[in-house]
PDB file of all heavy atoms in Angstrom:
ATOM      1  N   VAL A   1       5.717  -1.030  -3.820  1.00  0.00           N
ATOM      2  CA  VAL A   1       5.224  -1.826  -2.703  1.00  0.00           C
ATOM      3  C   VAL A   1       4.474  -3.054  -3.204  1.00  0.00           C
ATOM      4  O   VAL A   1       4.571  -4.149  -2.636  1.00  0.00           O
ATOM      5  CB  VAL A   1       4.306  -0.961  -1.806  1.00  0.00           C
ATOM      6  CG1 VAL A   1       3.554  -1.830  -0.795  1.00  0.00           C
ATOM      7  CG2 VAL A   1       5.123   0.097  -1.084  1.00  0.00           C
ATOM      8  N   MET A   2       3.739  -2.880  -4.320  1.00  0.00           N
ATOM      9  CA  MET A   2       2.855  -3.939  -4.794  1.00  0.00           C
ATOM     10  C   MET A   2       3.509  -4.928  -5.738  1.00  0.00           C
ATOM     11  O   MET A   2       3.303  -6.140  -5.623  1.00  0.00           O
ATOM     12  CB  MET A   2       1.654  -3.309  -5.520  1.00  0.00           C
ATOM     13  CG  MET A   2       0.644  -2.696  -4.578  1.00  0.00           C
ATOM     14  SD  MET A   2      -0.157  -3.916  -3.518  1.00  0.00           S
ATOM     15  CE  MET A   2      -0.977  -4.920  -4.749  1.00  0.00           C
ATOM     16  N   TYR A   3       4.323  -4.452  -6.699  1.00  0.00           N
ATOM     17  CA  TYR A   3       4.604  -5.285  -7.857  1.00  0.00           C
ATOM     18  C   TYR A   3       6.053  -5.736  -8.020  1.00  0.00           C
ATOM     19  O   TYR A   3       6.336  -6.526  -8.909  1.00  0.00           O
ATOM     20  CB  TYR A   3       4.149  -4.577  -9.138  1.00  0.00           C
ATOM     21  CG  TYR A   3       2.663  -4.390  -9.156  1.00  0.00           C
ATOM     22  CD1 TYR A   3       2.100  -3.135  -9.023  1.00  0.00           C
ATOM     23  CD2 TYR A   3       1.817  -5.488  -9.266  1.00  0.00           C
ATOM     24  CE1 TYR A   3       0.727  -2.967  -9.007  1.00  0.00           C
ATOM     25  CE2 TYR A   3       0.446  -5.332  -9.252  1.00  0.00           C
ATOM     26  CZ  TYR A   3      -0.096  -4.075  -9.127  1.00  0.00           C
ATOM     27  OH  TYR A   3      -1.441  -3.905  -9.110  1.00  0.00           O
ATOM     28  N   VAL A   4       6.959  -5.263  -7.202  1.00  0.00           N
ATOM     29  CA  VAL A   4       8.324  -5.784  -7.315  1.00  0.00           C
ATOM     30  C   VAL A   4       8.371  -7.217  -6.811  1.00  0.00           C
ATOM     31  O   VAL A   4       9.085  -8.066  -7.329  1.00  0.00           O
ATOM     32  CB  VAL A   4       9.320  -4.884  -6.547  1.00  0.00           C
ATOM     33  CG1 VAL A   4      10.687  -5.539  -6.459  1.00  0.00           C
ATOM     34  CG2 VAL A   4       9.437  -3.534  -7.236  1.00  0.00           C
ATOM     35  N   SER A   5       7.564  -7.517  -5.797  1.00  0.00           N
ATOM     36  CA  SER A   5       7.519  -8.888  -5.262  1.00  0.00           C
ATOM     37  C   SER A   5       6.072  -9.306  -5.053  1.00  0.00           C
ATOM     38  O   SER A   5       5.550  -9.244  -3.954  1.00  0.00           O
ATOM     39  CB  SER A   5       8.277  -8.973  -3.928  1.00  0.00           C
ATOM     40  OG  SER A   5       7.793  -7.994  -3.029  1.00  0.00           O
ATOM     41  N   PRO A   6       5.379  -9.707  -6.141  1.00  0.00           N
ATOM     42  CA  PRO A   6       3.971 -10.050  -6.018  1.00  0.00           C
ATOM     43  C   PRO A   6       3.681 -11.242  -5.129  1.00  0.00           C
ATOM     44  O   PRO A   6       2.567 -11.426  -4.685  1.00  0.00           O
ATOM     45  CB  PRO A   6       3.547 -10.348  -7.471  1.00  0.00           C
ATOM     46  CG  PRO A   6       4.795 -10.711  -8.173  1.00  0.00           C
ATOM     47  CD  PRO A   6       5.873  -9.912  -7.523  1.00  0.00           C
ATOM     48  N   GLY A   7       4.666 -12.049  -4.873  1.00  0.00           N
ATOM     49  CA  GLY A   7       4.437 -13.200  -4.008  1.00  0.00           C
ATOM     50  C   GLY A   7       4.739 -12.934  -2.557  1.00  0.00           C
ATOM     51  O   GLY A   7       4.841 -13.847  -1.758  1.00  0.00           O
ATOM     52  N   SER A   8       4.887 -11.655  -2.164  1.00  0.00           N
ATOM     53  CA  SER A   8       5.284 -11.339  -0.802  1.00  0.00           C
ATOM     54  C   SER A   8       4.142 -11.427   0.188  1.00  0.00           C
ATOM     55  O   SER A   8       4.346 -11.284   1.385  1.00  0.00           O
ATOM     56  CB  SER A   8       5.902  -9.932  -0.759  1.00  0.00           C
ATOM     57  OG  SER A   8       4.998  -8.981  -1.268  1.00  0.00           O
ATOM     58  N   GLY A   9       2.911 -11.613  -0.280  1.00  0.00           N
ATOM     59  CA  GLY A   9       1.796 -11.875   0.621  1.00  0.00           C
ATOM     60  C   GLY A   9       1.254 -10.654   1.321  1.00  0.00           C
ATOM     61  O   GLY A   9       1.004 -10.703   2.529  1.00  0.00           O
ATOM     62  N   HIS A  10       1.022  -9.549   0.626  1.00  0.00           N
ATOM     63  CA  HIS A  10       0.373  -8.394   1.232  1.00  0.00           C
ATOM     64  C   HIS A  10      -1.077  -8.749   1.544  1.00  0.00           C
ATOM     65  O   HIS A  10      -1.741  -9.422   0.757  1.00  0.00           O
ATOM     66  CB  HIS A  10       0.402  -7.197   0.269  1.00  0.00           C
ATOM     67  CG  HIS A  10       1.785  -6.788  -0.136  1.00  0.00           C
ATOM     68  ND1 HIS A  10       2.669  -6.208   0.732  1.00  0.00           N
ATOM     69  CD2 HIS A  10       2.428  -6.884  -1.333  1.00  0.00           C
ATOM     70  CE1 HIS A  10       3.803  -5.958   0.099  1.00  0.00           C
ATOM     71  NE2 HIS A  10       3.684  -6.363  -1.148  1.00  0.00           N
ATOM     72  N   PRO A  11      -1.626  -8.290   2.694  1.00  0.00           N
ATOM     73  CA  PRO A  11      -3.045  -8.510   2.970  1.00  0.00           C
ATOM     74  C   PRO A  11      -3.905  -7.943   1.848  1.00  0.00           C
ATOM     75  O   PRO A  11      -3.563  -6.934   1.233  1.00  0.00           O
ATOM     76  CB  PRO A  11      -3.260  -7.749   4.284  1.00  0.00           C
ATOM     77  CG  PRO A  11      -1.903  -7.677   4.913  1.00  0.00           C
ATOM     78  CD  PRO A  11      -0.925  -7.610   3.778  1.00  0.00           C
ATOM     79  N   VAL A  12      -5.050  -8.589   1.611  1.00  0.00           N
ATOM     80  CA  VAL A  12      -5.901  -8.215   0.478  1.00  0.00           C
ATOM     81  C   VAL A  12      -6.346  -6.765   0.574  1.00  0.00           C
ATOM     82  O   VAL A  12      -6.320  -6.026  -0.419  1.00  0.00           O
ATOM     83  CB  VAL A  12      -7.129  -9.155   0.410  1.00  0.00           C
ATOM     84  CG1 VAL A  12      -8.098  -8.678  -0.664  1.00  0.00           C
ATOM     85  CG2 VAL A  12      -6.689 -10.584   0.132  1.00  0.00           C
ATOM     86  N   GLU A  13      -6.768  -6.339   1.765  1.00  0.00           N
ATOM     87  CA  GLU A  13      -7.248  -4.960   1.910  1.00  0.00           C
ATOM     88  C   GLU A  13      -6.126  -3.954   1.667  1.00  0.00           C
ATOM     89  O   GLU A  13      -6.361  -2.878   1.119  1.00  0.00           O
ATOM     90  CB  GLU A  13      -7.854  -4.758   3.304  1.00  0.00           C
ATOM     91  CG  GLU A  13      -9.104  -5.572   3.556  1.00  0.00           C
ATOM     92  CD  GLU A  13     -10.168  -5.348   2.480  1.00  0.00           C
ATOM     93  OE1 GLU A  13     -10.392  -4.192   2.088  1.00  0.00           O
ATOM     94  OE2 GLU A  13     -10.771  -6.342   2.031  1.00  0.00           O
ATOM     95  N   VAL A  14      -4.912  -4.308   2.077  1.00  0.00           N
ATOM     96  CA  VAL A  14      -3.759  -3.425   1.828  1.00  0.00           C
ATOM     97  C   VAL A  14      -3.509  -3.332   0.329  1.00  0.00           C
ATOM     98  O   VAL A  14      -3.232  -2.249  -0.211  1.00  0.00           O
ATOM     99  CB  VAL A  14      -2.505  -3.942   2.564  1.00  0.00           C
ATOM    100  CG1 VAL A  14      -1.272  -3.147   2.166  1.00  0.00           C
ATOM    101  CG2 VAL A  14      -2.710  -3.878   4.065  1.00  0.00           C
ATOM    102  N   GLN A  15      -3.600  -4.466  -0.377  1.00  0.00           N
ATOM    103  CA  GLN A  15      -3.426  -4.460  -1.833  1.00  0.00           C
ATOM    104  C   GLN A  15      -4.419  -3.518  -2.491  1.00  0.00           C
ATOM    105  O   GLN A  15      -4.072  -2.740  -3.382  1.00  0.00           O
ATOM    106  CB  GLN A  15      -3.621  -5.875  -2.394  1.00  0.00           C
ATOM    107  CG  GLN A  15      -2.523  -6.853  -2.029  1.00  0.00           C
ATOM    108  CD  GLN A  15      -2.769  -8.218  -2.638  1.00  0.00           C
ATOM    109  OE1 GLN A  15      -3.479  -8.349  -3.623  1.00  0.00           O
ATOM    110  NE2 GLN A  15      -2.194  -9.256  -2.044  1.00  0.00           N
ATOM    111  N   LYS A  16      -5.679  -3.569  -2.056  1.00  0.00           N
ATOM    112  CA  LYS A  16      -6.707  -2.719  -2.663  1.00  0.00           C
ATOM    113  C   LYS A  16      -6.444  -1.245  -2.393  1.00  0.00           C
ATOM    114  O   LYS A  16      -6.592  -0.403  -3.285  1.00  0.00           O
ATOM    115  CB  LYS A  16      -8.096  -3.108  -2.127  1.00  0.00           C
ATOM    116  CG  LYS A  16      -8.605  -4.439  -2.626  1.00  0.00           C
ATOM    117  CD  LYS A  16     -10.079  -4.561  -2.276  1.00  0.00           C
ATOM    118  CE  LYS A  16     -10.391  -5.950  -1.798  1.00  0.00           C
ATOM    119  NZ  LYS A  16     -11.802  -6.113  -1.424  1.00  0.00           N
ATOM    120  N   ILE A  17      -6.057  -0.926  -1.173  1.00  0.00           N
ATOM    121  CA  ILE A  17      -5.824   0.480  -0.811  1.00  0.00           C
ATOM    122  C   ILE A  17      -4.635   1.036  -1.576  1.00  0.00           C
ATOM    123  O   ILE A  17      -4.681   2.147  -2.112  1.00  0.00           O
ATOM    124  CB  ILE A  17      -5.619   0.617   0.716  1.00  0.00           C
ATOM    125  CG1 ILE A  17      -6.938   0.307   1.444  1.00  0.00           C
ATOM    126  CG2 ILE A  17      -5.131   2.016   1.076  1.00  0.00           C
ATOM    127  CD1 ILE A  17      -6.802   0.189   2.943  1.00  0.00           C
ATOM    128  N   VAL A  18      -3.558   0.256  -1.647  1.00  0.00           N
ATOM    129  CA  VAL A  18      -2.373   0.714  -2.389  1.00  0.00           C
ATOM    130  C   VAL A  18      -2.705   0.868  -3.872  1.00  0.00           C
ATOM    131  O   VAL A  18      -2.314   1.850  -4.517  1.00  0.00           O
ATOM    132  CB  VAL A  18      -1.192  -0.262  -2.189  1.00  0.00           C
ATOM    133  CG1 VAL A  18      -0.009   0.138  -3.063  1.00  0.00           C
ATOM    134  CG2 VAL A  18      -0.758  -0.283  -0.727  1.00  0.00           C
ATOM    135  N   SER A  19      -3.442  -0.113  -4.425  1.00  0.00           N
ATOM    136  CA  SER A  19      -3.840  -0.023  -5.830  1.00  0.00           C
ATOM    137  C   SER A  19      -4.732   1.196  -6.071  1.00  0.00           C
ATOM    138  O   SER A  19      -4.612   1.883  -7.091  1.00  0.00           O
ATOM    139  CB  SER A  19      -4.591  -1.291  -6.255  1.00  0.00           C
ATOM    140  OG  SER A  19      -3.781  -2.424  -6.114  1.00  0.00           O
ATOM    141  N   LEU A  20      -5.628   1.464  -5.121  1.00  0.00           N
ATOM    142  CA  LEU A  20      -6.504   2.636  -5.222  1.00  0.00           C
ATOM    143  C   LEU A  20      -5.681   3.915  -5.221  1.00  0.00           C
ATOM    144  O   LEU A  20      -5.988   4.875  -5.937  1.00  0.00           O
ATOM    145  CB  LEU A  20      -7.482   2.628  -4.050  1.00  0.00           C
ATOM    146  CG  LEU A  20      -8.713   3.514  -4.141  1.00  0.00           C
ATOM    147  CD1 LEU A  20      -9.625   3.031  -5.256  1.00  0.00           C
ATOM    148  CD2 LEU A  20      -9.451   3.515  -2.805  1.00  0.00           C
ATOM    149  N   PHE A  21      -4.600   3.900  -4.454  1.00  0.00           N
ATOM    150  CA  PHE A  21      -3.757   5.086  -4.330  1.00  0.00           C
ATOM    151  C   PHE A  21      -3.113   5.432  -5.671  1.00  0.00           C
ATOM    152  O   PHE A  21      -3.190   6.578  -6.122  1.00  0.00           O
ATOM    153  CB  PHE A  21      -2.682   4.844  -3.271  1.00  0.00           C
ATOM    154  CG  PHE A  21      -1.902   6.075  -2.915  1.00  0.00           C
ATOM    155  CD1 PHE A  21      -2.406   6.976  -1.998  1.00  0.00           C
ATOM    156  CD2 PHE A  21      -0.676   6.335  -3.499  1.00  0.00           C
ATOM    157  CE1 PHE A  21      -1.695   8.127  -1.668  1.00  0.00           C
ATOM    158  CE2 PHE A  21       0.038   7.476  -3.179  1.00  0.00           C
ATOM    159  CZ  PHE A  21      -0.469   8.371  -2.263  1.00  0.00           C
ATOM    160  N   TYR A  22      -2.487   4.439  -6.329  1.00  0.00           N
ATOM    161  CA  TYR A  22      -1.786   4.774  -7.573  1.00  0.00           C
ATOM    162  C   TYR A  22      -2.691   4.797  -8.792  1.00  0.00           C
ATOM    163  O   TYR A  22      -2.337   5.361  -9.823  1.00  0.00           O
ATOM    164  CB  TYR A  22      -0.581   3.849  -7.814  1.00  0.00           C
ATOM    165  CG  TYR A  22      -0.885   2.405  -8.072  1.00  0.00           C
ATOM    166  CD1 TYR A  22      -1.400   1.977  -9.288  1.00  0.00           C
ATOM    167  CD2 TYR A  22      -0.622   1.443  -7.102  1.00  0.00           C
ATOM    168  CE1 TYR A  22      -1.670   0.646  -9.525  1.00  0.00           C
ATOM    169  CE2 TYR A  22      -0.887   0.106  -7.331  1.00  0.00           C
ATOM    170  CZ  TYR A  22      -1.416  -0.281  -8.546  1.00  0.00           C
ATOM    171  OH  TYR A  22      -1.687  -1.602  -8.776  1.00  0.00           O
ATOM    172  N   SER A  23      -3.893   4.186  -8.699  1.00  0.00           N
ATOM    173  CA  SER A  23      -4.783   4.172  -9.865  1.00  0.00           C
ATOM    174  C   SER A  23      -5.807   5.297  -9.858  1.00  0.00           C
ATOM    175  O   SER A  23      -6.314   5.677 -10.918  1.00  0.00           O
ATOM    176  CB  SER A  23      -5.523   2.833  -9.950  1.00  0.00           C
ATOM    177  OG  SER A  23      -6.362   2.630  -8.835  1.00  0.00           O
ATOM    178  N   VAL A  24      -6.129   5.854  -8.685  1.00  0.00           N
ATOM    179  CA  VAL A  24      -7.140   6.909  -8.589  1.00  0.00           C
ATOM    180  C   VAL A  24      -6.595   8.175  -7.945  1.00  0.00           C
ATOM    181  O   VAL A  24      -6.745   9.283  -8.480  1.00  0.00           O
ATOM    182  CB  VAL A  24      -8.381   6.404  -7.797  1.00  0.00           C
ATOM    183  CG1 VAL A  24      -9.414   7.521  -7.652  1.00  0.00           C
ATOM    184  CG2 VAL A  24      -9.005   5.196  -8.471  1.00  0.00           C
ATOM    185  N   ILE A  25      -5.943   8.036  -6.786  1.00  0.00           N
ATOM    186  CA  ILE A  25      -5.519   9.215  -6.018  1.00  0.00           C
ATOM    187  C   ILE A  25      -4.385   9.962  -6.715  1.00  0.00           C
ATOM    188  O   ILE A  25      -4.415  11.191  -6.825  1.00  0.00           O
ATOM    189  CB  ILE A  25      -5.091   8.810  -4.594  1.00  0.00           C
ATOM    190  CG1 ILE A  25      -6.218   8.029  -3.901  1.00  0.00           C
ATOM    191  CG2 ILE A  25      -4.707  10.043  -3.788  1.00  0.00           C
ATOM    192  CD1 ILE A  25      -7.513   8.777  -3.797  1.00  0.00           C
ATOM    193  N   THR A  26      -3.370   9.227  -7.194  1.00  0.00           N
ATOM    194  CA  THR A  26      -2.231   9.882  -7.846  1.00  0.00           C
ATOM    195  C   THR A  26      -2.635  10.672  -9.090  1.00  0.00           C
ATOM    196  O   THR A  26      -2.241  11.832  -9.235  1.00  0.00           O
ATOM    197  CB  THR A  26      -1.134   8.850  -8.193  1.00  0.00           C
ATOM    198  OG1 THR A  26      -0.707   8.202  -6.988  1.00  0.00           O
ATOM    199  CG2 THR A  26       0.063   9.517  -8.842  1.00  0.00           C
ATOM    200  N   PRO A  27      -3.437  10.108 -10.022  1.00  0.00           N
ATOM    201  CA  PRO A  27      -3.878  10.927 -11.161  1.00  0.00           C
ATOM    202  C   PRO A  27      -4.700  12.139 -10.753  1.00  0.00           C
ATOM    203  O   PRO A  27      -4.708  13.150 -11.456  1.00  0.00           O
ATOM    204  CB  PRO A  27      -4.723   9.945 -11.985  1.00  0.00           C
ATOM    205  CG  PRO A  27      -4.214   8.599 -11.617  1.00  0.00           C
ATOM    206  CD  PRO A  27      -3.857   8.699 -10.170  1.00  0.00           C
ATOM    207  N   LEU A  28      -5.410  12.045  -9.606  1.00  0.00           N
ATOM    208  CA  LEU A  28      -6.180  13.186  -9.110  1.00  0.00           C
ATOM    209  C   LEU A  28      -5.264  14.283  -8.580  1.00  0.00           C
ATOM    210  O   LEU A  28      -5.530  15.480  -8.781  1.00  0.00           O
ATOM    211  CB  LEU A  28      -7.137  12.713  -8.005  1.00  0.00           C
ATOM    212  CG  LEU A  28      -7.926  13.788  -7.248  1.00  0.00           C
ATOM    213  CD1 LEU A  28      -8.875  14.512  -8.189  1.00  0.00           C
ATOM    214  CD2 LEU A  28      -8.694  13.160  -6.089  1.00  0.00           C
ATOM    215  N   CYS A  29      -4.170  13.892  -7.926  1.00  0.00           N
ATOM    216  CA  CYS A  29      -3.264  14.872  -7.309  1.00  0.00           C
ATOM    217  C   CYS A  29      -2.322  15.531  -8.312  1.00  0.00           C
ATOM    218  O   CYS A  29      -1.894  16.678  -8.095  1.00  0.00           O
ATOM    219  CB  CYS A  29      -2.440  14.192  -6.217  1.00  0.00           C
ATOM    220  SG  CYS A  29      -3.400  13.634  -4.799  1.00  0.00           S
ATOM    221  N   ASN A  30      -1.973  14.825  -9.385  1.00  0.00           N
ATOM    222  CA  ASN A  30      -0.966  15.347 -10.316  1.00  0.00           C
ATOM    223  C   ASN A  30      -1.276  16.731 -10.875  1.00  0.00           C
ATOM    224  O   ASN A  30      -0.389  17.592 -10.918  1.00  0.00           O
ATOM    225  CB  ASN A  30      -0.740  14.347 -11.451  1.00  0.00           C
ATOM    226  CG  ASN A  30       0.054  13.134 -10.993  1.00  0.00           C
ATOM    227  OD1 ASN A  30       0.545  13.096  -9.865  1.00  0.00           O
ATOM    228  ND2 ASN A  30       0.165  12.134 -11.838  1.00  0.00           N
ATOM    229  N   PRO A  31      -2.508  17.008 -11.336  1.00  0.00           N
ATOM    230  CA  PRO A  31      -2.778  18.367 -11.842  1.00  0.00           C
ATOM    231  C   PRO A  31      -2.572  19.447 -10.792  1.00  0.00           C
ATOM    232  O   PRO A  31      -2.064  20.534 -11.099  1.00  0.00           O
ATOM    233  CB  PRO A  31      -4.259  18.298 -12.271  1.00  0.00           C
ATOM    234  CG  PRO A  31      -4.525  16.860 -12.513  1.00  0.00           C
ATOM    235  CD  PRO A  31      -3.675  16.124 -11.537  1.00  0.00           C
ATOM    236  N   LEU A  32      -2.943  19.134  -9.541  1.00  0.00           N
ATOM    237  CA  LEU A  32      -2.738  20.108  -8.466  1.00  0.00           C
ATOM    238  C   LEU A  32      -1.252  20.337  -8.222  1.00  0.00           C
ATOM    239  O   LEU A  32      -0.799  21.474  -8.065  1.00  0.00           O
ATOM    240  CB  LEU A  32      -3.404  19.609  -7.178  1.00  0.00           C
ATOM    241  CG  LEU A  32      -4.927  19.495  -7.202  1.00  0.00           C
ATOM    242  CD1 LEU A  32      -5.429  18.848  -5.915  1.00  0.00           C
ATOM    243  CD2 LEU A  32      -5.561  20.869  -7.383  1.00  0.00           C
ATOM    244  N   ILE A  33      -0.487  19.252  -8.204  1.00  0.00           N
ATOM    245  CA  ILE A  33       0.955  19.365  -7.951  1.00  0.00           C
ATOM    246  C   ILE A  33       1.632  20.196  -9.034  1.00  0.00           C
ATOM    247  O   ILE A  33       2.443  21.084  -8.751  1.00  0.00           O
ATOM    248  CB  ILE A  33       1.596  17.967  -7.864  1.00  0.00           C
ATOM    249  CG1 ILE A  33       1.074  17.218  -6.632  1.00  0.00           C
ATOM    250  CG2 ILE A  33       3.116  18.070  -7.808  1.00  0.00           C
ATOM    251  CD1 ILE A  33       1.471  15.754  -6.594  1.00  0.00           C
ATOM    252  N   TYR A  34       1.286  19.926 -10.299  1.00  0.00           N
ATOM    253  CA  TYR A  34       1.958  20.616 -11.405  1.00  0.00           C
ATOM    254  C   TYR A  34       1.490  22.054 -11.573  1.00  0.00           C
ATOM    255  O   TYR A  34       2.271  22.926 -11.963  1.00  0.00           O
ATOM    256  CB  TYR A  34       1.739  19.847 -12.712  1.00  0.00           C
ATOM    257  CG  TYR A  34       2.667  18.674 -12.882  1.00  0.00           C
ATOM    258  CD1 TYR A  34       2.173  17.376 -12.952  1.00  0.00           C
ATOM    259  CD2 TYR A  34       4.043  18.855 -12.956  1.00  0.00           C
ATOM    260  CE1 TYR A  34       3.024  16.302 -13.107  1.00  0.00           C
ATOM    261  CE2 TYR A  34       4.898  17.778 -13.095  1.00  0.00           C
ATOM    262  CZ  TYR A  34       4.386  16.502 -13.176  1.00  0.00           C
ATOM    263  OH  TYR A  34       5.234  15.441 -13.313  1.00  0.00           O
ATOM    264  N   SER A  35       0.222  22.329 -11.304  1.00  0.00           N
ATOM    265  CA  SER A  35      -0.293  23.681 -11.569  1.00  0.00           C
ATOM    266  C   SER A  35      -0.051  24.639 -10.419  1.00  0.00           C
ATOM    267  O   SER A  35       0.251  25.824 -10.634  1.00  0.00           O
ATOM    268  CB  SER A  35      -1.793  23.622 -11.888  1.00  0.00           C
ATOM    269  OG  SER A  35      -2.517  23.079 -10.802  1.00  0.00           O
ATOM    270  N   LEU A  36      -0.149  24.163  -9.180  1.00  0.00           N
ATOM    271  CA  LEU A  36      -0.031  25.063  -8.043  1.00  0.00           C
ATOM    272  C   LEU A  36       1.384  25.601  -7.868  1.00  0.00           C
ATOM    273  O   LEU A  36       1.584  26.688  -7.331  1.00  0.00           O
ATOM    274  CB  LEU A  36      -0.472  24.349  -6.756  1.00  0.00           C
ATOM    275  CG  LEU A  36      -1.971  24.038  -6.646  1.00  0.00           C
ATOM    276  CD1 LEU A  36      -2.267  23.301  -5.350  1.00  0.00           C
ATOM    277  CD2 LEU A  36      -2.798  25.317  -6.711  1.00  0.00           C
ATOM    278  N   ARG A  37       2.391  24.862  -8.315  1.00  0.00           N
ATOM    279  CA  ARG A  37       3.784  25.280  -8.139  1.00  0.00           C
ATOM    280  C   ARG A  37       4.391  25.881  -9.411  1.00  0.00           C
ATOM    281  O   ARG A  37       5.597  26.080  -9.476  1.00  0.00           O
ATOM    282  CB  ARG A  37       4.640  24.088  -7.692  1.00  0.00           C
ATOM    283  CG  ARG A  37       4.253  23.499  -6.347  1.00  0.00           C
ATOM    284  CD  ARG A  37       5.272  22.481  -5.896  1.00  0.00           C
ATOM    285  NE  ARG A  37       6.597  23.072  -5.764  1.00  0.00           N
ATOM    286  CZ  ARG A  37       7.036  23.656  -4.657  1.00  0.00           C
ATOM    287  NH1 ARG A  37       6.262  23.754  -3.597  1.00  0.00           N
ATOM    288  NH2 ARG A  37       8.266  24.155  -4.607  1.00  0.00           N
ATOM    289  N   ASN A  38       3.561  26.164 -10.398  1.00  0.00           N
ATOM    290  CA  ASN A  38       4.091  26.616 -11.678  1.00  0.00           C
ATOM    291  C   ASN A  38       3.359  27.874 -12.138  1.00  0.00           C
ATOM    292  O   ASN A  38       2.175  27.829 -12.479  1.00  0.00           O
ATOM    293  CB  ASN A  38       3.924  25.488 -12.715  1.00  0.00           C
ATOM    294  CG  ASN A  38       4.684  25.755 -13.979  1.00  0.00           C
ATOM    295  OD1 ASN A  38       4.434  26.729 -14.665  1.00  0.00           O
ATOM    296  ND2 ASN A  38       5.614  24.861 -14.304  1.00  0.00           N
ATOM    297  N   LYS A  39       4.059  28.990 -12.132  1.00  0.00           N
ATOM    298  CA  LYS A  39       3.434  30.272 -12.472  1.00  0.00           C
ATOM    299  C   LYS A  39       2.973  30.296 -13.922  1.00  0.00           C
ATOM    300  O   LYS A  39       1.891  30.812 -14.233  1.00  0.00           O
ATOM    301  CB  LYS A  39       4.424  31.416 -12.218  1.00  0.00           C
ATOM    302  CG  LYS A  39       4.750  31.639 -10.755  1.00  0.00           C
ATOM    303  CD  LYS A  39       5.731  32.796 -10.577  1.00  0.00           C
ATOM    304  CE  LYS A  39       6.060  33.009  -9.111  1.00  0.00           C
ATOM    305  NZ  LYS A  39       7.043  34.118  -8.923  1.00  0.00           N
ATOM    306  N   GLU A  40       3.796  29.778 -14.841  1.00  0.00           N
ATOM    307  CA  GLU A  40       3.419  29.775 -16.253  1.00  0.00           C
ATOM    308  C   GLU A  40       2.152  28.958 -16.492  1.00  0.00           C
ATOM    309  O   GLU A  40       1.268  29.371 -17.247  1.00  0.00           O
ATOM    310  CB  GLU A  40       4.557  29.218 -17.122  1.00  0.00           C
ATOM    311  CG  GLU A  40       5.788  30.105 -17.202  1.00  0.00           C
ATOM    312  CD  GLU A  40       6.754  29.877 -16.052  1.00  0.00           C
ATOM    313  OE1 GLU A  40       6.418  29.071 -15.149  1.00  0.00           O
ATOM    314  OE2 GLU A  40       7.829  30.505 -16.050  1.00  0.00           O
ATOM    315  N   MET A  41       2.048  27.784 -15.823  1.00  0.00           N
ATOM    316  CA  MET A  41       0.867  26.945 -15.991  1.00  0.00           C
ATOM    317  C   MET A  41      -0.363  27.621 -15.407  1.00  0.00           C
ATOM    318  O   MET A  41      -1.446  27.593 -16.018  1.00  0.00           O
ATOM    319  CB  MET A  41       1.091  25.579 -15.328  1.00  0.00           C
ATOM    320  CG  MET A  41      -0.088  24.622 -15.468  1.00  0.00           C
ATOM    321  SD  MET A  41      -0.581  24.313 -17.184  1.00  0.00           S
ATOM    322  CE  MET A  41       0.845  23.395 -17.765  1.00  0.00           C
ATOM    323  N   LYS A  42      -0.225  28.249 -14.240  1.00  0.00           N
ATOM    324  CA  LYS A  42      -1.371  28.941 -13.646  1.00  0.00           C
ATOM    325  C   LYS A  42      -1.836  30.086 -14.533  1.00  0.00           C
ATOM    326  O   LYS A  42      -3.042  30.299 -14.708  1.00  0.00           O
ATOM    327  CB  LYS A  42      -1.009  29.449 -12.250  1.00  0.00           C
ATOM    328  CG  LYS A  42      -0.954  28.356 -11.192  1.00  0.00           C
ATOM    329  CD  LYS A  42      -0.861  28.908  -9.782  1.00  0.00           C
ATOM    330  CE  LYS A  42       0.522  29.465  -9.498  1.00  0.00           C
ATOM    331  NZ  LYS A  42       0.661  29.865  -8.077  1.00  0.00           N
ATOM    332  N   ALA A  43      -0.890  30.820 -15.109  1.00  0.00           N
ATOM    333  CA  ALA A  43      -1.254  31.919 -16.008  1.00  0.00           C
ATOM    334  C   ALA A  43      -1.957  31.396 -17.255  1.00  0.00           C
ATOM    335  O   ALA A  43      -2.947  31.988 -17.719  1.00  0.00           O
ATOM    336  CB  ALA A  43       0.002  32.705 -16.391  1.00  0.00           C
ATOM    337  N   ALA A  44      -1.459  30.266 -17.790  1.00  0.00           N
ATOM    338  CA  ALA A  44      -2.079  29.686 -18.991  1.00  0.00           C
ATOM    339  C   ALA A  44      -3.487  29.187 -18.690  1.00  0.00           C
ATOM    340  O   ALA A  44      -4.408  29.363 -19.498  1.00  0.00           O
ATOM    341  CB  ALA A  44      -1.216  28.542 -19.519  1.00  0.00           C
TER     342      ALA A  44
END
């Protein structure tokens, strides 16, 4: 959404929220996604 077309004119607040999503929220969710659905990882 953000970087394929940087000149597409996204509103500033939208840019910040989207950037916050992939820079903070996604790394926070990844451990939950990988561990909750994986029996071997949960056991380890």
